Amino acid sequence: MNFKRQTTEDPEVNLIPLIDVLLVILIFLMISTTYSKFTELKITLPTADAEKLQNHPQEIIVSVSSGGEYAVNKQLLPSRTVSALTQSLLDASKGKADTMVVISADAQATQQSVVNVMEAARAAGLSRLTFATQKSPGS
């Protein structure tokens, strides 16, 4: 009996195609991944539709200039005090508590002058406040 031994080679795994595929997947993941910063403050801003105007029974427009002067319904106030502004708001509202106060402040006006208007409206018993804005030139 003649037994021949067959010499078999050990199976060999070719890793080059596997590396190529993994490299393509890695590049795809790097390009398609978005990186978010966890230090950002995520807020939801309110939206306003300027097209829908609501009819208010009575509005008082309080204008605040960049210098801190106040005008109630286009009448310039001689004093910048909260008490004078409160009295002017009481006169303009004629005792109606549902009167809307529209604050139209200059972009350069101080925050304190706007807070003074809100404080005067509270002291006058007017709880309905809103702010007048304008569209930015880019939109």
N, C-alpha and C. Protein backbone atom coordinates (compact mmCIF):
# COMPACT_ATOMS: atom_id res chain seq x y z
N MET A 1 0.82 -1.15 0.00
CA MET A 1 0.00 0.00 0.00
C MET A 1 0.88 1.24 0.00
N ASN A 2 0.47 2.05 -0.81
CA ASN A 2 1.24 3.26 -0.97
C ASN A 2 0.38 4.44 -0.48
N PHE A 3 0.75 4.94 0.66
CA PHE A 3 0.01 6.09 1.22
C PHE A 3 0.75 7.36 0.87
N LYS A 4 0.03 8.20 0.23
CA LYS A 4 0.62 9.48 -0.10
C LYS A 4 0.01 10.53 0.83
N ARG A 5 0.87 11.23 1.32
CA ARG A 5 0.38 12.32 2.14
C ARG A 5 0.19 13.54 1.27
N GLN A 6 -0.96 14.09 1.39
CA GLN A 6 -1.21 15.32 0.66
C GLN A 6 -0.82 16.48 1.56
N THR A 7 -0.05 17.29 1.00
CA THR A 7 0.36 18.46 1.78
C THR A 7 -0.66 19.57 1.53
N THR A 8 -1.30 19.93 2.56
CA THR A 8 -2.28 21.03 2.45
C THR A 8 -1.71 22.27 3.12
N GLU A 9 -1.93 23.32 2.46
CA GLU A 9 -1.46 24.58 3.02
C GLU A 9 -2.47 25.07 4.03
N ASP A 10 -1.95 25.77 5.01
CA ASP A 10 -2.84 26.35 6.01
C ASP A 10 -3.66 27.46 5.36
N PRO A 11 -4.94 27.54 5.72
CA PRO A 11 -5.75 28.60 5.12
C PRO A 11 -5.21 29.97 5.55
N GLU A 12 -5.24 30.86 4.62
CA GLU A 12 -4.71 32.19 4.88
C GLU A 12 -5.85 33.22 4.69
N VAL A 13 -5.95 34.11 5.63
CA VAL A 13 -6.98 35.15 5.55
C VAL A 13 -6.32 36.40 4.97
N ASN A 14 -6.92 36.87 3.89
CA ASN A 14 -6.39 38.06 3.25
C ASN A 14 -7.07 39.28 3.90
N LEU A 15 -6.32 40.08 4.63
CA LEU A 15 -6.86 41.20 5.38
C LEU A 15 -6.90 42.50 4.59
N ILE A 16 -6.28 42.55 3.47
CA ILE A 16 -6.22 43.79 2.70
C ILE A 16 -7.61 44.26 2.24
N PRO A 17 -8.47 43.41 1.69
CA PRO A 17 -9.82 43.88 1.33
C PRO A 17 -10.63 44.33 2.55
N LEU A 18 -10.45 43.66 3.67
CA LEU A 18 -11.16 44.04 4.89
C LEU A 18 -10.72 45.44 5.35
N ILE A 19 -9.44 45.70 5.30
CA ILE A 19 -8.91 47.01 5.69
C ILE A 19 -9.43 48.08 4.74
N ASP A 20 -9.51 47.78 3.45
CA ASP A 20 -10.01 48.75 2.48
C ASP A 20 -11.48 49.11 2.78
N VAL A 21 -12.28 48.14 3.05
CA VAL A 21 -13.69 48.38 3.34
C VAL A 21 -13.84 49.18 4.63
N LEU A 22 -13.10 48.82 5.66
CA LEU A 22 -13.18 49.55 6.92
C LEU A 22 -12.71 51.00 6.77
N LEU A 23 -11.72 51.24 5.94
CA LEU A 23 -11.25 52.59 5.69
C LEU A 23 -12.32 53.43 5.00
N VAL A 24 -13.01 52.85 4.04
CA VAL A 24 -14.09 53.56 3.36
C VAL A 24 -15.23 53.87 4.34
N ILE A 25 -15.57 52.94 5.18
CA ILE A 25 -16.62 53.17 6.19
C ILE A 25 -16.20 54.25 7.17
N LEU A 26 -14.95 54.24 7.57
CA LEU A 26 -14.44 55.24 8.49
C LEU A 26 -14.50 56.64 7.87
N ILE A 27 -14.11 56.76 6.63
CA ILE A 27 -14.17 58.05 5.95
C ILE A 27 -15.62 58.52 5.82
N PHE A 28 -16.52 57.62 5.48
CA PHE A 28 -17.93 57.97 5.37
C PHE A 28 -18.48 58.46 6.70
N LEU A 29 -18.15 57.81 7.80
CA LEU A 29 -18.63 58.21 9.11
C LEU A 29 -18.04 59.56 9.53
N MET A 30 -16.81 59.80 9.19
CA MET A 30 -16.19 61.08 9.55
C MET A 30 -16.84 62.24 8.79
N ILE A 31 -17.20 62.02 7.56
CA ILE A 31 -17.81 63.08 6.76
C ILE A 31 -19.26 63.32 7.18
N SER A 32 -20.00 62.28 7.48
CA SER A 32 -21.43 62.43 7.74
C SER A 32 -21.77 62.72 9.20
N THR A 33 -20.81 62.70 10.09
CA THR A 33 -21.07 62.94 11.50
C THR A 33 -21.12 64.44 11.77
N THR A 34 -22.12 64.84 12.55
CA THR A 34 -22.20 66.23 12.98
C THR A 34 -21.76 66.27 14.44
N TYR A 35 -20.96 67.24 14.75
CA TYR A 35 -20.46 67.38 16.11
C TYR A 35 -21.25 68.48 16.80
N SER A 36 -21.81 68.16 17.94
CA SER A 36 -22.55 69.16 18.70
C SER A 36 -21.75 69.51 19.94
N LYS A 37 -21.85 70.76 20.30
CA LYS A 37 -21.15 71.24 21.48
C LYS A 37 -22.12 71.16 22.66
N PHE A 38 -21.66 70.60 23.74
CA PHE A 38 -22.50 70.49 24.91
C PHE A 38 -22.50 71.76 25.74
N THR A 39 -21.64 72.70 25.41
CA THR A 39 -21.58 73.94 26.16
C THR A 39 -22.60 74.96 25.66
N GLU A 40 -23.28 74.68 24.57
CA GLU A 40 -24.26 75.62 24.03
C GLU A 40 -25.51 75.60 24.88
N LEU A 41 -26.12 76.73 24.99
CA LEU A 41 -27.38 76.85 25.70
C LEU A 41 -28.51 76.68 24.70
N LYS A 42 -29.31 75.67 24.89
CA LYS A 42 -30.40 75.40 23.97
C LYS A 42 -31.66 76.06 24.50
N ILE A 43 -32.18 76.99 23.70
CA ILE A 43 -33.40 77.69 24.08
C ILE A 43 -34.36 77.66 22.90
N THR A 44 -35.61 77.77 23.20
CA THR A 44 -36.64 77.87 22.18
C THR A 44 -37.15 79.29 22.19
N LEU A 45 -36.91 80.00 21.11
CA LEU A 45 -37.31 81.40 21.03
C LEU A 45 -38.77 81.51 20.64
N PRO A 46 -39.46 82.51 21.17
CA PRO A 46 -40.85 82.70 20.77
C PRO A 46 -40.94 83.23 19.35
N THR A 47 -42.02 82.91 18.70
CA THR A 47 -42.22 83.38 17.34
C THR A 47 -43.36 84.39 17.33
N ALA A 48 -43.30 85.27 16.37
CA ALA A 48 -44.35 86.27 16.25
C ALA A 48 -44.73 86.37 14.78
N ASP A 49 -45.99 86.55 14.54
CA ASP A 49 -46.48 86.71 13.19
C ASP A 49 -47.01 88.14 13.07
N ALA A 50 -46.25 88.97 12.39
CA ALA A 50 -46.61 90.38 12.28
C ALA A 50 -47.83 90.58 11.39
N GLU A 51 -48.16 89.58 10.60
CA GLU A 51 -49.29 89.71 9.70
C GLU A 51 -50.62 89.69 10.46
N LYS A 52 -50.64 88.99 11.59
CA LYS A 52 -51.88 88.87 12.34
C LYS A 52 -51.92 89.96 13.40
N LEU A 53 -52.61 91.00 13.13
CA LEU A 53 -52.75 92.09 14.09
C LEU A 53 -54.02 91.87 14.89
N GLN A 54 -53.90 92.04 16.18
CA GLN A 54 -55.06 91.89 17.03
C GLN A 54 -55.62 93.27 17.34
N ASN A 55 -56.91 93.35 17.43
CA ASN A 55 -57.54 94.60 17.79
C ASN A 55 -57.60 94.71 19.30
N HIS A 56 -56.96 95.72 19.82
CA HIS A 56 -56.99 95.95 21.25
C HIS A 56 -57.91 97.12 21.52
N PRO A 57 -58.69 97.06 22.58
CA PRO A 57 -59.62 98.13 22.85
C PRO A 57 -58.91 99.48 23.01
N GLN A 58 -57.79 99.48 23.72
CA GLN A 58 -57.06 100.71 23.90
C GLN A 58 -55.59 100.37 24.09
N GLU A 59 -54.74 101.12 23.43
CA GLU A 59 -53.30 100.92 23.55
C GLU A 59 -52.65 102.22 23.99
N ILE A 60 -51.67 102.08 24.85
CA ILE A 60 -50.85 103.21 25.24
C ILE A 60 -49.45 102.91 24.73
N ILE A 61 -48.92 103.78 23.90
CA ILE A 61 -47.58 103.56 23.35
C ILE A 61 -46.60 104.40 24.17
N VAL A 62 -45.69 103.70 24.81
CA VAL A 62 -44.66 104.36 25.61
C VAL A 62 -43.35 104.24 24.83
N SER A 63 -42.81 105.39 24.42
CA SER A 63 -41.55 105.41 23.68
C SER A 63 -40.41 105.74 24.64
N VAL A 64 -39.30 105.01 24.47
CA VAL A 64 -38.10 105.23 25.28
C VAL A 64 -36.97 105.57 24.34
N SER A 65 -36.38 106.74 24.51
CA SER A 65 -35.29 107.15 23.63
C SER A 65 -33.96 106.60 24.15
N SER A 66 -32.94 106.74 23.34
CA SER A 66 -31.62 106.24 23.75
C SER A 66 -31.06 107.04 24.92
N GLY A 67 -31.54 108.27 25.10
CA GLY A 67 -31.10 109.09 26.22
C GLY A 67 -31.88 108.86 27.49
N GLY A 68 -32.91 108.06 27.44
CA GLY A 68 -33.70 107.75 28.63
C GLY A 68 -34.94 108.61 28.79
N GLU A 69 -35.31 109.40 27.78
CA GLU A 69 -36.53 110.20 27.86
C GLU A 69 -37.73 109.31 27.51
N TYR A 70 -38.87 109.65 28.12
CA TYR A 70 -40.09 108.89 27.91
C TYR A 70 -41.12 109.75 27.18
N ALA A 71 -41.91 109.11 26.34
CA ALA A 71 -43.04 109.77 25.69
C ALA A 71 -44.22 108.81 25.76
N VAL A 72 -45.34 109.28 26.25
CA VAL A 72 -46.54 108.47 26.35
C VAL A 72 -47.51 108.99 25.31
N ASN A 73 -47.85 108.13 24.36
CA ASN A 73 -48.72 108.50 23.23
C ASN A 73 -48.20 109.76 22.54
N LYS A 74 -46.91 109.78 22.27
CA LYS A 74 -46.21 110.86 21.56
C LYS A 74 -46.17 112.18 22.33
N GLN A 75 -46.47 112.16 23.61
CA GLN A 75 -46.36 113.35 24.46
C GLN A 75 -45.14 113.18 25.35
N LEU A 76 -44.12 114.00 25.14
CA LEU A 76 -42.87 113.90 25.88
C LEU A 76 -43.10 114.27 27.34
N LEU A 77 -42.58 113.44 28.24
CA LEU A 77 -42.73 113.69 29.66
C LEU A 77 -41.62 114.62 30.13
N PRO A 78 -41.93 115.60 30.96
CA PRO A 78 -40.89 116.51 31.43
C PRO A 78 -39.95 115.86 32.44
N SER A 79 -40.39 114.82 33.11
CA SER A 79 -39.59 114.17 34.14
C SER A 79 -39.30 112.73 33.74
N ARG A 80 -38.15 112.22 34.21
CA ARG A 80 -37.78 110.84 33.92
C ARG A 80 -38.06 109.90 35.08
N THR A 81 -38.81 110.32 36.05
CA THR A 81 -39.05 109.50 37.23
C THR A 81 -40.15 108.47 36.96
N VAL A 82 -40.12 107.42 37.75
CA VAL A 82 -41.12 106.36 37.62
C VAL A 82 -42.49 106.88 38.06
N SER A 83 -42.52 107.74 39.06
CA SER A 83 -43.81 108.25 39.54
C SER A 83 -44.48 109.13 38.48
N ALA A 84 -43.70 109.94 37.77
CA ALA A 84 -44.28 110.77 36.71
C ALA A 84 -44.80 109.89 35.57
N LEU A 85 -44.06 108.85 35.26
CA LEU A 85 -44.48 107.91 34.21
C LEU A 85 -45.74 107.16 34.64
N THR A 86 -45.81 106.78 35.92
CA THR A 86 -47.00 106.10 36.45
C THR A 86 -48.23 107.00 36.34
N GLN A 87 -48.07 108.25 36.72
CA GLN A 87 -49.20 109.19 36.65
C GLN A 87 -49.65 109.40 35.21
N SER A 88 -48.70 109.48 34.29
CA SER A 88 -49.04 109.65 32.88
C SER A 88 -49.77 108.42 32.34
N LEU A 89 -49.35 107.24 32.77
CA LEU A 89 -50.03 106.01 32.34
C LEU A 89 -51.44 105.94 32.92
N LEU A 90 -51.61 106.37 34.17
CA LEU A 90 -52.95 106.40 34.77
C LEU A 90 -53.87 107.35 34.02
N ASP A 91 -53.33 108.51 33.64
CA ASP A 91 -54.14 109.48 32.89
C ASP A 91 -54.50 108.93 31.52
N ALA A 92 -53.58 108.26 30.85
CA ALA A 92 -53.83 107.75 29.50
C ALA A 92 -54.77 106.56 29.51
N SER A 93 -54.72 105.75 30.56
CA SER A 93 -55.57 104.55 30.59
C SER A 93 -57.00 104.86 31.01
N LYS A 94 -57.22 105.98 31.65
CA LYS A 94 -58.56 106.41 32.08
C LYS A 94 -59.23 105.36 32.96
N GLY A 95 -58.43 104.67 33.77
CA GLY A 95 -58.96 103.70 34.73
C GLY A 95 -59.30 102.34 34.16
N LYS A 96 -59.01 102.10 32.90
CA LYS A 96 -59.31 100.80 32.30
C LYS A 96 -58.12 99.86 32.51
N ALA A 97 -58.35 98.76 33.20
CA ALA A 97 -57.26 97.84 33.53
C ALA A 97 -56.86 96.95 32.36
N ASP A 98 -57.73 96.83 31.35
CA ASP A 98 -57.41 95.95 30.21
C ASP A 98 -56.65 96.68 29.11
N THR A 99 -56.15 97.87 29.40
CA THR A 99 -55.41 98.65 28.42
C THR A 99 -54.05 98.01 28.16
N MET A 100 -53.69 97.93 26.89
CA MET A 100 -52.41 97.34 26.49
C MET A 100 -51.35 98.43 26.48
N VAL A 101 -50.20 98.14 27.10
CA VAL A 101 -49.07 99.07 27.10
C VAL A 101 -48.05 98.53 26.10
N VAL A 102 -47.77 99.32 25.07
CA VAL A 102 -46.80 98.95 24.04
C VAL A 102 -45.52 99.73 24.31
N ILE A 103 -44.45 99.00 24.62
CA ILE A 103 -43.17 99.64 24.91
C ILE A 103 -42.36 99.66 23.62
N SER A 104 -42.06 100.86 23.16
CA SER A 104 -41.28 101.04 21.95
C SER A 104 -39.96 101.69 22.35
N ALA A 105 -38.96 100.86 22.59
CA ALA A 105 -37.68 101.34 23.09
C ALA A 105 -36.65 101.39 21.97
N ASP A 106 -35.82 102.41 22.03
CA ASP A 106 -34.70 102.53 21.09
C ASP A 106 -33.72 101.38 21.35
N ALA A 107 -33.03 100.96 20.31
CA ALA A 107 -32.09 99.86 20.45
C ALA A 107 -30.95 100.22 21.39
N GLN A 108 -30.63 101.49 21.51
CA GLN A 108 -29.54 101.94 22.38
C GLN A 108 -30.03 102.35 23.77
N ALA A 109 -31.31 102.20 24.05
CA ALA A 109 -31.86 102.57 25.36
C ALA A 109 -31.35 101.59 26.41
N THR A 110 -31.16 102.09 27.62
CA THR A 110 -30.68 101.23 28.69
C THR A 110 -31.79 100.30 29.15
N GLN A 111 -31.38 99.18 29.71
CA GLN A 111 -32.36 98.23 30.21
C GLN A 111 -33.13 98.80 31.39
N GLN A 112 -32.46 99.63 32.18
CA GLN A 112 -33.12 100.21 33.35
C GLN A 112 -34.29 101.11 32.94
N SER A 113 -34.15 101.83 31.84
CA SER A 113 -35.25 102.69 31.41
C SER A 113 -36.45 101.86 30.97
N VAL A 114 -36.22 100.71 30.37
CA VAL A 114 -37.33 99.81 29.98
C VAL A 114 -37.95 99.18 31.22
N VAL A 115 -37.12 98.82 32.19
CA VAL A 115 -37.63 98.26 33.45
C VAL A 115 -38.46 99.31 34.19
N ASN A 116 -38.05 100.57 34.10
CA ASN A 116 -38.83 101.65 34.73
C ASN A 116 -40.23 101.74 34.12
N VAL A 117 -40.33 101.55 32.81
CA VAL A 117 -41.65 101.57 32.16
C VAL A 117 -42.50 100.41 32.66
N MET A 118 -41.89 99.23 32.77
CA MET A 118 -42.64 98.07 33.27
C MET A 118 -43.06 98.27 34.72
N GLU A 119 -42.20 98.88 35.53
CA GLU A 119 -42.54 99.16 36.92
C GLU A 119 -43.67 100.18 37.01
N ALA A 120 -43.63 101.21 36.18
CA ALA A 120 -44.69 102.22 36.18
C ALA A 120 -46.02 101.60 35.74
N ALA A 121 -45.98 100.70 34.76
CA ALA A 121 -47.22 100.03 34.31
C ALA A 121 -47.78 99.16 35.43
N ARG A 122 -46.91 98.49 36.16
CA ARG A 122 -47.38 97.67 37.29
C ARG A 122 -48.00 98.55 38.36
N ALA A 123 -47.36 99.67 38.65
CA ALA A 123 -47.89 100.58 39.67
C ALA A 123 -49.21 101.21 39.23
N ALA A 124 -49.40 101.37 37.94
CA ALA A 124 -50.65 101.93 37.42
C ALA A 124 -51.74 100.87 37.29
N GLY A 125 -51.42 99.62 37.57
CA GLY A 125 -52.40 98.54 37.48
C GLY A 125 -52.60 98.02 36.08
N LEU A 126 -51.65 98.27 35.20
CA LEU A 126 -51.74 97.80 33.81
C LEU A 126 -50.83 96.58 33.66
N SER A 127 -51.45 95.43 33.52
CA SER A 127 -50.67 94.19 33.48
C SER A 127 -50.43 93.65 32.07
N ARG A 128 -51.03 94.27 31.08
CA ARG A 128 -50.87 93.78 29.71
C ARG A 128 -49.77 94.61 29.03
N LEU A 129 -48.61 93.99 28.83
CA LEU A 129 -47.45 94.66 28.23
C LEU A 129 -47.03 93.93 26.97
N THR A 130 -46.51 94.69 26.04
CA THR A 130 -45.91 94.10 24.84
C THR A 130 -44.81 95.04 24.37
N PHE A 131 -43.95 94.53 23.51
CA PHE A 131 -42.84 95.31 22.98
C PHE A 131 -43.01 95.48 21.48
N ALA A 132 -42.74 96.68 20.99
CA ALA A 132 -42.78 96.95 19.57
C ALA A 132 -41.41 96.61 18.98
N THR A 133 -41.40 95.92 17.86
CA THR A 133 -40.16 95.55 17.18
C THR A 133 -40.28 95.91 15.71
N GLN A 134 -39.18 95.80 15.04
CA GLN A 134 -39.19 95.98 13.60
C GLN A 134 -38.41 94.85 12.98
N LYS A 135 -38.69 94.60 11.72
CA LYS A 135 -37.99 93.53 11.02
C LYS A 135 -36.56 93.93 10.79
N SER A 136 -35.66 92.94 10.91
CA SER A 136 -34.27 93.23 10.62
C SER A 136 -34.09 93.39 9.12
N PRO A 137 -33.12 94.18 8.67
CA PRO A 137 -32.96 94.43 7.23
C PRO A 137 -32.68 93.16 6.42
N GLY A 138 -32.11 92.14 7.05
CA GLY A 138 -31.78 90.92 6.32
C GLY A 138 -32.95 90.02 6.06
N SER A 139 -34.08 90.22 6.77
CA SER A 139 -35.20 89.29 6.58
C SER A 139 -36.32 89.85 5.78
